[in-house]
Amino acid sequence: MTRIVADADRCVGAGQCVLTDPGTFDQSEEDGTVVVLQNTPADDEALERAREAVAICPSRALSLTE
């Protein structure tokens, strides 16, 4: 099972993940850092969006693990 992992300490709050998949990612109201709403992609489409978010994250704060 693939899981989405976010490192809030590395996050710069660019919000690219939220723009890519607002159903999976949000931003903290306190500091704008990433908040993962769903740790496991529900289907192949969600997994593809998660991969895209990981790829475009400017601070490399997101990753996928098995």
Protein backbone atom coordinates (compact mmCIF):
# COMPACT_ATOMS: atom_id res chain seq x y z
CA MET A 1 0.00 0.00 0.00
CA THR A 2 1.40 3.37 -1.01
CA ARG A 3 1.42 6.13 1.60
CA ILE A 4 1.94 9.86 1.19
CA VAL A 5 4.53 11.30 3.55
CA ALA A 6 4.93 15.04 4.17
CA ASP A 7 7.81 16.75 5.94
CA ALA A 8 6.29 19.99 7.27
CA ASP A 9 9.75 21.18 8.37
CA ARG A 10 10.92 21.19 4.72
CA CYS A 11 7.71 22.65 3.32
CA VAL A 12 7.92 26.26 2.11
CA GLY A 13 4.16 26.68 1.69
CA ALA A 14 4.18 27.08 -2.10
CA GLY A 15 0.84 25.26 -2.31
CA GLN A 16 1.61 23.34 -5.50
CA CYS A 17 0.36 20.13 -3.91
CA VAL A 18 -2.99 21.72 -3.08
CA LEU A 19 -3.35 23.00 -6.63
CA THR A 20 -2.54 19.51 -7.94
CA ASP A 21 -4.93 17.63 -5.65
CA PRO A 22 -7.05 19.64 -3.19
CA GLY A 23 -8.81 16.46 -2.08
CA THR A 24 -5.56 15.05 -0.73
CA PHE A 25 -3.60 18.12 0.34
CA ASP A 26 -4.33 21.31 2.24
CA GLN A 27 -2.28 24.03 3.88
CA SER A 28 -2.04 24.86 7.57
CA GLU A 29 -3.80 28.09 8.49
CA GLU A 30 -0.99 28.82 10.95
CA ASP A 31 2.01 28.80 8.62
CA GLY A 32 0.86 27.59 5.20
CA THR A 33 2.73 24.29 5.36
CA VAL A 34 1.36 21.12 3.85
CA VAL A 35 -1.36 19.08 5.54
CA VAL A 36 -2.09 15.63 4.12
CA LEU A 37 -5.83 14.97 4.22
CA GLN A 38 -5.61 11.38 2.94
CA ASN A 39 -2.43 9.41 3.63
CA THR A 40 -3.24 6.63 1.17
CA PRO A 41 -4.40 7.26 -2.41
CA ALA A 42 -7.86 5.78 -2.92
CA ASP A 43 -7.32 4.61 -6.52
CA ASP A 44 -4.94 4.78 -9.47
CA GLU A 45 -6.03 8.31 -10.41
CA ALA A 46 -5.40 9.56 -6.87
CA LEU A 47 -2.01 7.84 -6.88
CA GLU A 48 -1.09 9.56 -10.14
CA ARG A 49 -2.07 12.96 -8.71
CA ALA A 50 0.00 12.23 -5.61
CA ARG A 51 2.99 11.34 -7.79
CA GLU A 52 2.57 14.62 -9.66
CA ALA A 53 2.42 16.57 -6.39
CA VAL A 54 5.61 14.85 -5.18
CA ALA A 55 7.35 15.64 -8.45
CA ILE A 56 6.48 19.35 -8.50
CA CYS A 57 7.02 20.11 -4.81
CA PRO A 58 9.71 22.85 -4.84
CA SER A 59 11.09 21.95 -1.41
CA ARG A 60 10.89 18.16 -1.83
CA ALA A 61 8.72 17.96 1.28
CA LEU A 62 6.54 15.17 -0.15
CA SER A 63 7.35 11.54 -0.81
CA LEU A 64 5.62 8.22 -1.42
CA THR A 65 6.45 5.05 0.49
CA GLU A 66 5.33 1.44 0.07
